[in-house]
Amino acid sequence: MKRLGGCECGGGGGTPRWMSSPIQEVAQYSPLLALARAWRVPFAPFVLSVRSTFTSADTTVLPTQGLENGQGRITQISVCDRLVFEIDQPNSFPGSIFKNESDYYFQMQSGISATINVDGAPRYAVAPFFTPLRTLMDIVSNQAWPMGWILTYTQGINMAFQAEIPLPSLPATIIASYRLWQPYGTDEFVSMSNGQAFTQLFKIYANDAEMTAALNLAQTAPVGR
């Protein structure tokens, strides 16, 4: 079977280690990413969002919402490296030349906080307590995650939003957009398990005793079991 060639591109701030480290090291954290590297599959950006709207001054906490892909899951191996928030207030300074300026500064200090949790298997909390939007954006987008924030086909993201102070204009819609990097041009990684990825890696490096030993060690790591 012919494999896709191409460069492995990613976000700014230098090349993340999941794109440049030896494949056996990547396999310890994600055998699927290691397999994509071994097959030289290029990665393409993919954006998924969580959207929620405050419509009443009496509501300060909104129900938990999942990703807008309608599936609740990522469907294939993905690496998240960017989180951006937008807050839309159509009734704030409508038709005024000051609307853009007002929206800009409101998003900088909105008084809205959020939680972030990962659903599926494994399920875990990223931000279990309400945390300011700017803090969450900085942590996900600007901090170093050497091997990437890896999400698999069994996982999804959900969020809840809270207004810490009365909102100046309603309705107010919060859109949290996640930039993910996914293998591009092939559907072989859709619903692929870690075990299947290791099987393919062992086939590729069957004649490389050193690599085989390293992959055996990686397979005993928690992510490989």
C-alpha atoms as a PDB file:
ATOM      1  CA  MET A   1       0.000   0.000   0.000  1.00  0.00           C
ATOM      2  CA  LYS A   2       1.371   3.359  -0.986  1.00  0.00           C
ATOM      3  CA  ARG A   3       1.934   5.786   1.875  1.00  0.00           C
ATOM      4  CA  LEU A   4       1.586   9.524   1.633  1.00  0.00           C
ATOM      5  CA  GLY A   5       4.734  11.557   1.790  1.00  0.00           C
ATOM      6  CA  GLY A   6       5.129  15.147   2.839  1.00  0.00           C
ATOM      7  CA  CYS A   7       6.310  17.426   5.532  1.00  0.00           C
ATOM      8  CA  GLU A   8       5.092  17.389   9.099  1.00  0.00           C
ATOM      9  CA  CYS A   9       3.999  20.873   9.967  1.00  0.00           C
ATOM     10  CA  GLY A  10       2.654  22.335  13.160  1.00  0.00           C
ATOM     11  CA  GLY A  11       2.119  25.409  15.270  1.00  0.00           C
ATOM     12  CA  GLY A  12       4.515  28.204  16.052  1.00  0.00           C
ATOM     13  CA  GLY A  13       7.065  28.449  18.812  1.00  0.00           C
ATOM     14  CA  GLY A  14       9.496  25.937  17.341  1.00  0.00           C
ATOM     15  CA  THR A  15       8.933  22.340  16.295  1.00  0.00           C
ATOM     16  CA  PRO A  16       7.084  20.296  18.947  1.00  0.00           C
ATOM     17  CA  ARG A  17       8.807  17.108  20.012  1.00  0.00           C
ATOM     18  CA  TRP A  18       6.001  14.913  18.715  1.00  0.00           C
ATOM     19  CA  MET A  19       6.975  16.125  15.246  1.00  0.00           C
ATOM     20  CA  SER A  20      10.725  15.779  15.622  1.00  0.00           C
ATOM     21  CA  SER A  21      11.655  13.264  18.342  1.00  0.00           C
ATOM     22  CA  PRO A  22      12.776   9.721  17.448  1.00  0.00           C
ATOM     23  CA  ILE A  23       9.784   7.573  16.595  1.00  0.00           C
ATOM     24  CA  GLN A  24      10.432   5.158  19.468  1.00  0.00           C
ATOM     25  CA  GLU A  25      10.142   8.063  21.938  1.00  0.00           C
ATOM     26  CA  VAL A  26       6.889   9.265  20.398  1.00  0.00           C
ATOM     27  CA  ALA A  27       5.544   5.697  20.565  1.00  0.00           C
ATOM     28  CA  GLN A  28       5.822   5.763  24.343  1.00  0.00           C
ATOM     29  CA  TYR A  29       3.298   8.616  24.424  1.00  0.00           C
ATOM     30  CA  SER A  30       1.208   7.786  21.357  1.00  0.00           C
ATOM     31  CA  PRO A  31       1.805   4.785  19.098  1.00  0.00           C
ATOM     32  CA  LEU A  32      -0.662   6.241  16.584  1.00  0.00           C
ATOM     33  CA  LEU A  33       1.369   9.436  16.220  1.00  0.00           C
ATOM     34  CA  ALA A  34       4.517   7.337  15.962  1.00  0.00           C
ATOM     35  CA  LEU A  35       2.944   5.299  13.164  1.00  0.00           C
ATOM     36  CA  ALA A  36       1.904   8.446  11.310  1.00  0.00           C
ATOM     37  CA  ARG A  37       5.498   9.649  11.570  1.00  0.00           C
ATOM     38  CA  ALA A  38       6.835   6.294  10.341  1.00  0.00           C
ATOM     39  CA  TRP A  39       4.489   6.364   7.353  1.00  0.00           C
ATOM     40  CA  ARG A  40       5.427  10.000   6.724  1.00  0.00           C
ATOM     41  CA  VAL A  41       1.794  11.058   6.696  1.00  0.00           C
ATOM     42  CA  PRO A  42       1.448  14.869   6.655  1.00  0.00           C
ATOM     43  CA  PHE A  43      -0.636  16.584   9.342  1.00  0.00           C
ATOM     44  CA  ALA A  44      -3.290  19.172   8.569  1.00  0.00           C
ATOM     45  CA  PRO A  45      -5.067  21.654  10.875  1.00  0.00           C
ATOM     46  CA  PHE A  46      -8.635  20.921  11.887  1.00  0.00           C
ATOM     47  CA  VAL A  47     -10.810  23.232  14.011  1.00  0.00           C
ATOM     48  CA  LEU A  48     -13.566  22.099  16.366  1.00  0.00           C
ATOM     49  CA  SER A  49     -15.514  24.428  18.644  1.00  0.00           C
ATOM     50  CA  VAL A  50     -17.650  24.412  21.766  1.00  0.00           C
ATOM     51  CA  ARG A  51     -20.427  27.005  21.697  1.00  0.00           C
ATOM     52  CA  SER A  52     -22.704  28.216  24.492  1.00  0.00           C
ATOM     53  CA  THR A  53     -24.983  31.266  24.958  1.00  0.00           C
ATOM     54  CA  PHE A  54     -26.040  33.350  27.960  1.00  0.00           C
ATOM     55  CA  THR A  55     -29.588  34.553  27.235  1.00  0.00           C
ATOM     56  CA  SER A  56     -30.825  35.618  30.688  1.00  0.00           C
ATOM     57  CA  ALA A  57     -29.377  37.717  33.485  1.00  0.00           C
ATOM     58  CA  ASP A  58     -30.763  35.112  35.906  1.00  0.00           C
ATOM     59  CA  THR A  59     -28.500  32.407  34.460  1.00  0.00           C
ATOM     60  CA  THR A  60     -24.906  32.540  35.658  1.00  0.00           C
ATOM     61  CA  VAL A  61     -23.840  28.954  34.865  1.00  0.00           C
ATOM     62  CA  LEU A  62     -24.543  27.322  31.500  1.00  0.00           C
ATOM     63  CA  PRO A  63     -25.033  23.564  30.966  1.00  0.00           C
ATOM     64  CA  THR A  64     -22.043  21.537  29.841  1.00  0.00           C
ATOM     65  CA  GLN A  65     -21.568  21.501  26.076  1.00  0.00           C
ATOM     66  CA  GLY A  66     -19.534  19.212  23.831  1.00  0.00           C
ATOM     67  CA  LEU A  67     -17.834  19.694  20.498  1.00  0.00           C
ATOM     68  CA  GLU A  68     -19.929  20.908  17.587  1.00  0.00           C
ATOM     69  CA  ASN A  69     -19.017  18.001  15.311  1.00  0.00           C
ATOM     70  CA  GLY A  70     -22.225  16.287  16.457  1.00  0.00           C
ATOM     71  CA  GLN A  71     -20.404  13.103  17.410  1.00  0.00           C
ATOM     72  CA  GLY A  72     -18.989  13.971  20.804  1.00  0.00           C
ATOM     73  CA  ARG A  73     -15.724  12.285  19.830  1.00  0.00           C
ATOM     74  CA  ILE A  74     -12.657  13.284  17.822  1.00  0.00           C
ATOM     75  CA  THR A  75     -12.883  10.165  15.529  1.00  0.00           C
ATOM     76  CA  GLN A  76      -9.123   9.914  14.932  1.00  0.00           C
ATOM     77  CA  ILE A  77      -5.796  10.725  16.568  1.00  0.00           C
ATOM     78  CA  SER A  78      -5.376  14.474  17.009  1.00  0.00           C
ATOM     79  CA  VAL A  79      -2.972  16.852  18.703  1.00  0.00           C
ATOM     80  CA  CYS A  80      -4.366  20.104  20.112  1.00  0.00           C
ATOM     81  CA  ASP A  81      -2.027  23.094  20.271  1.00  0.00           C
ATOM     82  CA  ARG A  82      -4.284  26.150  20.245  1.00  0.00           C
ATOM     83  CA  LEU A  83      -7.404  27.410  22.024  1.00  0.00           C
ATOM     84  CA  VAL A  84      -9.093  30.689  21.024  1.00  0.00           C
ATOM     85  CA  PHE A  85     -12.161  32.297  22.582  1.00  0.00           C
ATOM     86  CA  GLU A  86     -14.602  34.648  20.901  1.00  0.00           C
ATOM     87  CA  ILE A  87     -17.528  36.342  22.661  1.00  0.00           C
ATOM     88  CA  ASP A  88     -20.303  37.636  20.438  1.00  0.00           C
ATOM     89  CA  GLN A  89     -22.674  40.326  21.821  1.00  0.00           C
ATOM     90  CA  PRO A  90     -24.883  41.526  18.946  1.00  0.00           C
ATOM     91  CA  ASN A  91     -26.770  43.992  21.155  1.00  0.00           C
ATOM     92  CA  SER A  92     -23.657  45.731  22.468  1.00  0.00           C
ATOM     93  CA  PHE A  93     -23.192  49.079  20.642  1.00  0.00           C
ATOM     94  CA  PRO A  94     -25.086  47.840  17.536  1.00  0.00           C
ATOM     95  CA  GLY A  95     -24.266  49.941  14.486  1.00  0.00           C
ATOM     96  CA  SER A  96     -21.744  52.033  16.436  1.00  0.00           C
ATOM     97  CA  ILE A  97     -18.178  52.719  15.406  1.00  0.00           C
ATOM     98  CA  PHE A  98     -17.241  51.778  18.967  1.00  0.00           C
ATOM     99  CA  LYS A  99     -18.586  48.215  18.724  1.00  0.00           C
ATOM    100  CA  ASN A 100     -15.330  46.610  17.588  1.00  0.00           C
ATOM    101  CA  GLU A 101     -13.379  48.383  20.307  1.00  0.00           C
ATOM    102  CA  SER A 102     -15.961  47.458  22.942  1.00  0.00           C
ATOM    103  CA  ASP A 103     -15.989  43.796  21.878  1.00  0.00           C
ATOM    104  CA  TYR A 104     -12.196  43.656  21.876  1.00  0.00           C
ATOM    105  CA  TYR A 105     -11.765  44.944  25.412  1.00  0.00           C
ATOM    106  CA  PHE A 106     -14.696  42.916  26.727  1.00  0.00           C
ATOM    107  CA  GLN A 107     -13.089  39.707  25.494  1.00  0.00           C
ATOM    108  CA  MET A 108      -9.875  40.689  27.271  1.00  0.00           C
ATOM    109  CA  GLN A 109     -11.638  40.959  30.650  1.00  0.00           C
ATOM    110  CA  SER A 110     -15.110  39.478  30.312  1.00  0.00           C
ATOM    111  CA  GLY A 111     -15.534  38.009  33.771  1.00  0.00           C
ATOM    112  CA  ILE A 112     -16.486  34.686  32.165  1.00  0.00           C
ATOM    113  CA  SER A 113     -14.782  31.500  33.330  1.00  0.00           C
ATOM    114  CA  ALA A 114     -14.955  27.909  32.102  1.00  0.00           C
ATOM    115  CA  THR A 115     -14.175  24.303  32.848  1.00  0.00           C
ATOM    116  CA  ILE A 116     -12.545  21.859  30.402  1.00  0.00           C
ATOM    117  CA  ASN A 117     -12.932  18.099  30.645  1.00  0.00           C
ATOM    118  CA  VAL A 118     -12.052  15.216  28.353  1.00  0.00           C
ATOM    119  CA  ASP A 119     -14.775  12.626  27.807  1.00  0.00           C
ATOM    120  CA  GLY A 120     -14.381   9.052  26.673  1.00  0.00           C
ATOM    121  CA  ALA A 121     -11.549   6.679  27.470  1.00  0.00           C
ATOM    122  CA  PRO A 122      -9.510   7.704  29.260  1.00  0.00           C
ATOM    123  CA  ARG A 123     -11.648  10.414  30.841  1.00  0.00           C
ATOM    124  CA  TYR A 124      -9.911  13.169  32.782  1.00  0.00           C
ATOM    125  CA  ALA A 125     -10.235  16.789  33.864  1.00  0.00           C
ATOM    126  CA  VAL A 126      -8.094  19.530  32.324  1.00  0.00           C
ATOM    127  CA  ALA A 127      -9.660  22.433  34.235  1.00  0.00           C
ATOM    128  CA  PRO A 128     -12.179  20.932  36.690  1.00  0.00           C
ATOM    129  CA  PHE A 129     -12.869  24.270  38.399  1.00  0.00           C
ATOM    130  CA  PHE A 130     -14.098  27.441  36.714  1.00  0.00           C
ATOM    131  CA  THR A 131     -11.028  29.247  35.369  1.00  0.00           C
ATOM    132  CA  PRO A 132     -10.834  32.614  33.518  1.00  0.00           C
ATOM    133  CA  LEU A 133     -10.951  32.301  29.740  1.00  0.00           C
ATOM    134  CA  ARG A 134      -7.676  34.173  29.262  1.00  0.00           C
ATOM    135  CA  THR A 135      -5.900  31.783  31.627  1.00  0.00           C
ATOM    136  CA  LEU A 136      -7.182  28.730  29.768  1.00  0.00           C
ATOM    137  CA  MET A 137      -6.215  30.199  26.404  1.00  0.00           C
ATOM    138  CA  ASP A 138      -2.704  30.982  27.631  1.00  0.00           C
ATOM    139  CA  ILE A 139      -2.163  27.534  29.103  1.00  0.00           C
ATOM    140  CA  VAL A 140      -3.312  25.629  26.024  1.00  0.00           C
ATOM    141  CA  SER A 141      -1.898  27.958  23.367  1.00  0.00           C
ATOM    142  CA  ASN A 142       1.315  29.354  24.796  1.00  0.00           C
ATOM    143  CA  GLN A 143       2.736  26.789  27.201  1.00  0.00           C
ATOM    144  CA  ALA A 144       5.066  23.986  26.141  1.00  0.00           C
ATOM    145  CA  TRP A 145       3.412  20.575  25.718  1.00  0.00           C
ATOM    146  CA  PRO A 146       6.444  18.717  24.350  1.00  0.00           C
ATOM    147  CA  MET A 147       4.626  15.585  23.215  1.00  0.00           C
ATOM    148  CA  GLY A 148       1.419  17.443  22.486  1.00  0.00           C
ATOM    149  CA  TRP A 149      -2.052  17.366  24.004  1.00  0.00           C
ATOM    150  CA  ILE A 150      -3.066  14.095  22.409  1.00  0.00           C
ATOM    151  CA  LEU A 151      -6.708  13.149  21.883  1.00  0.00           C
ATOM    152  CA  THR A 152      -7.774   9.806  20.425  1.00  0.00           C
ATOM    153  CA  TYR A 153     -10.843   8.575  18.560  1.00  0.00           C
ATOM    154  CA  THR A 154     -12.388   7.509  21.890  1.00  0.00           C
ATOM    155  CA  GLN A 155     -12.229  11.020  23.357  1.00  0.00           C
ATOM    156  CA  GLY A 156     -13.994  14.371  23.132  1.00  0.00           C
ATOM    157  CA  ILE A 157     -13.928  17.745  24.904  1.00  0.00           C
ATOM    158  CA  ASN A 158     -16.711  19.309  26.935  1.00  0.00           C
ATOM    159  CA  MET A 159     -16.937  22.698  28.620  1.00  0.00           C
ATOM    160  CA  ALA A 160     -19.179  24.634  30.995  1.00  0.00           C
ATOM    161  CA  PHE A 161     -19.229  28.428  31.296  1.00  0.00           C
ATOM    162  CA  GLN A 162     -19.893  30.719  34.233  1.00  0.00           C
ATOM    163  CA  ALA A 163     -20.463  34.493  34.395  1.00  0.00           C
ATOM    164  CA  GLU A 164     -18.568  35.741  37.444  1.00  0.00           C
ATOM    165  CA  ILE A 165     -20.055  39.232  37.085  1.00  0.00           C
ATOM    166  CA  PRO A 166     -23.303  40.490  35.483  1.00  0.00           C
ATOM    167  CA  LEU A 167     -22.884  40.577  31.714  1.00  0.00           C
ATOM    168  CA  PRO A 168     -23.365  44.050  30.195  1.00  0.00           C
ATOM    169  CA  SER A 169     -25.259  42.818  27.143  1.00  0.00           C
ATOM    170  CA  LEU A 170     -27.357  39.769  26.292  1.00  0.00           C
ATOM    171  CA  PRO A 171     -27.381  37.461  24.498  1.00  0.00           C
ATOM    172  CA  ALA A 172     -23.677  36.660  24.794  1.00  0.00           C
ATOM    173  CA  THR A 173     -22.335  33.663  22.899  1.00  0.00           C
ATOM    174  CA  ILE A 174     -18.977  32.135  23.850  1.00  0.00           C
ATOM    175  CA  ILE A 175     -17.204  30.171  21.139  1.00  0.00           C
ATOM    176  CA  ALA A 176     -14.170  28.128  22.213  1.00  0.00           C
ATOM    177  CA  SER A 177     -12.248  26.932  19.141  1.00  0.00           C
ATOM    178  CA  TYR A 178      -9.583  24.230  19.373  1.00  0.00           C
ATOM    179  CA  ARG A 179      -6.979  23.830  16.655  1.00  0.00           C
ATOM    180  CA  LEU A 180      -6.113  20.179  16.164  1.00  0.00           C
ATOM    181  CA  TRP A 181      -3.515  18.522  13.938  1.00  0.00           C
ATOM    182  CA  GLN A 182      -4.707  15.313  12.267  1.00  0.00           C
ATOM    183  CA  PRO A 183      -3.192  12.848   9.766  1.00  0.00           C
ATOM    184  CA  TYR A 184      -4.176  14.107   6.343  1.00  0.00           C
ATOM    185  CA  GLY A 185      -5.170  12.236   3.192  1.00  0.00           C
ATOM    186  CA  THR A 186      -5.884   8.829   4.721  1.00  0.00           C
ATOM    187  CA  ASP A 187      -8.673   7.265   6.765  1.00  0.00           C
ATOM    188  CA  GLU A 188      -6.520   4.486   8.187  1.00  0.00           C
ATOM    189  CA  PHE A 189      -6.219   6.247  11.556  1.00  0.00           C
ATOM    190  CA  VAL A 190      -9.985   6.549  12.045  1.00  0.00           C
ATOM    191  CA  SER A 191     -10.883   4.368  15.073  1.00  0.00           C
ATOM    192  CA  MET A 192      -7.402   2.791  15.089  1.00  0.00           C
ATOM    193  CA  SER A 193      -6.393   1.444  18.514  1.00  0.00           C
ATOM    194  CA  ASN A 194      -2.971   1.608  20.175  1.00  0.00           C
ATOM    195  CA  GLY A 195      -2.610  -2.145  19.733  1.00  0.00           C
ATOM    196  CA  GLN A 196      -3.222  -1.924  15.990  1.00  0.00           C
ATOM    197  CA  ALA A 197      -0.705   0.915  15.716  1.00  0.00           C
ATOM    198  CA  PHE A 198       1.971  -1.114  17.533  1.00  0.00           C
ATOM    199  CA  THR A 199       1.308  -4.076  15.229  1.00  0.00           C
ATOM    200  CA  GLN A 200       2.018  -1.884  12.213  1.00  0.00           C
ATOM    201  CA  LEU A 201       5.131  -0.393  13.822  1.00  0.00           C
ATOM    202  CA  PHE A 202       6.551  -3.835  14.544  1.00  0.00           C
ATOM    203  CA  LYS A 203       5.982  -4.772  10.897  1.00  0.00           C
ATOM    204  CA  ILE A 204       7.809  -1.683   9.671  1.00  0.00           C
ATOM    205  CA  TYR A 205      10.821  -2.234  11.926  1.00  0.00           C
ATOM    206  CA  ALA A 206      10.846  -6.048  11.917  1.00  0.00           C
ATOM    207  CA  ASN A 207      14.488  -6.111  10.751  1.00  0.00           C
ATOM    208  CA  ASP A 208      15.681  -3.480  13.233  1.00  0.00           C
ATOM    209  CA  ALA A 209      16.465  -5.221  16.528  1.00  0.00           C
ATOM    210  CA  GLU A 210      17.234  -1.993  18.394  1.00  0.00           C
ATOM    211  CA  MET A 211      13.991  -0.340  17.285  1.00  0.00           C
ATOM    212  CA  THR A 212      12.002  -3.488  18.069  1.00  0.00           C
ATOM    213  CA  ALA A 213      13.402  -3.536  21.595  1.00  0.00           C
ATOM    214  CA  ALA A 214      12.523   0.152  22.050  1.00  0.00           C
ATOM    215  CA  LEU A 215       8.987  -0.446  20.772  1.00  0.00           C
ATOM    216  CA  ASN A 216       8.574  -3.381  23.158  1.00  0.00           C
ATOM    217  CA  LEU A 217       9.545  -1.060  26.001  1.00  0.00           C
ATOM    218  CA  ALA A 218       7.125   1.621  24.766  1.00  0.00           C
ATOM    219  CA  GLN A 219       4.333  -0.942  24.601  1.00  0.00           C
ATOM    220  CA  THR A 220       4.684  -1.645  28.305  1.00  0.00           C
ATOM    221  CA  ALA A 221       4.081   2.038  29.137  1.00  0.00           C
ATOM    222  CA  PRO A 222       0.562   2.843  30.420  1.00  0.00           C
ATOM    223  CA  VAL A 223      -0.480   4.383  27.094  1.00  0.00           C
ATOM    224  CA  GLY A 224       0.454   1.222  25.208  1.00  0.00           C
ATOM    225  CA  ARG A 225      -1.464  -1.271  27.313  1.00  0.00           C
END
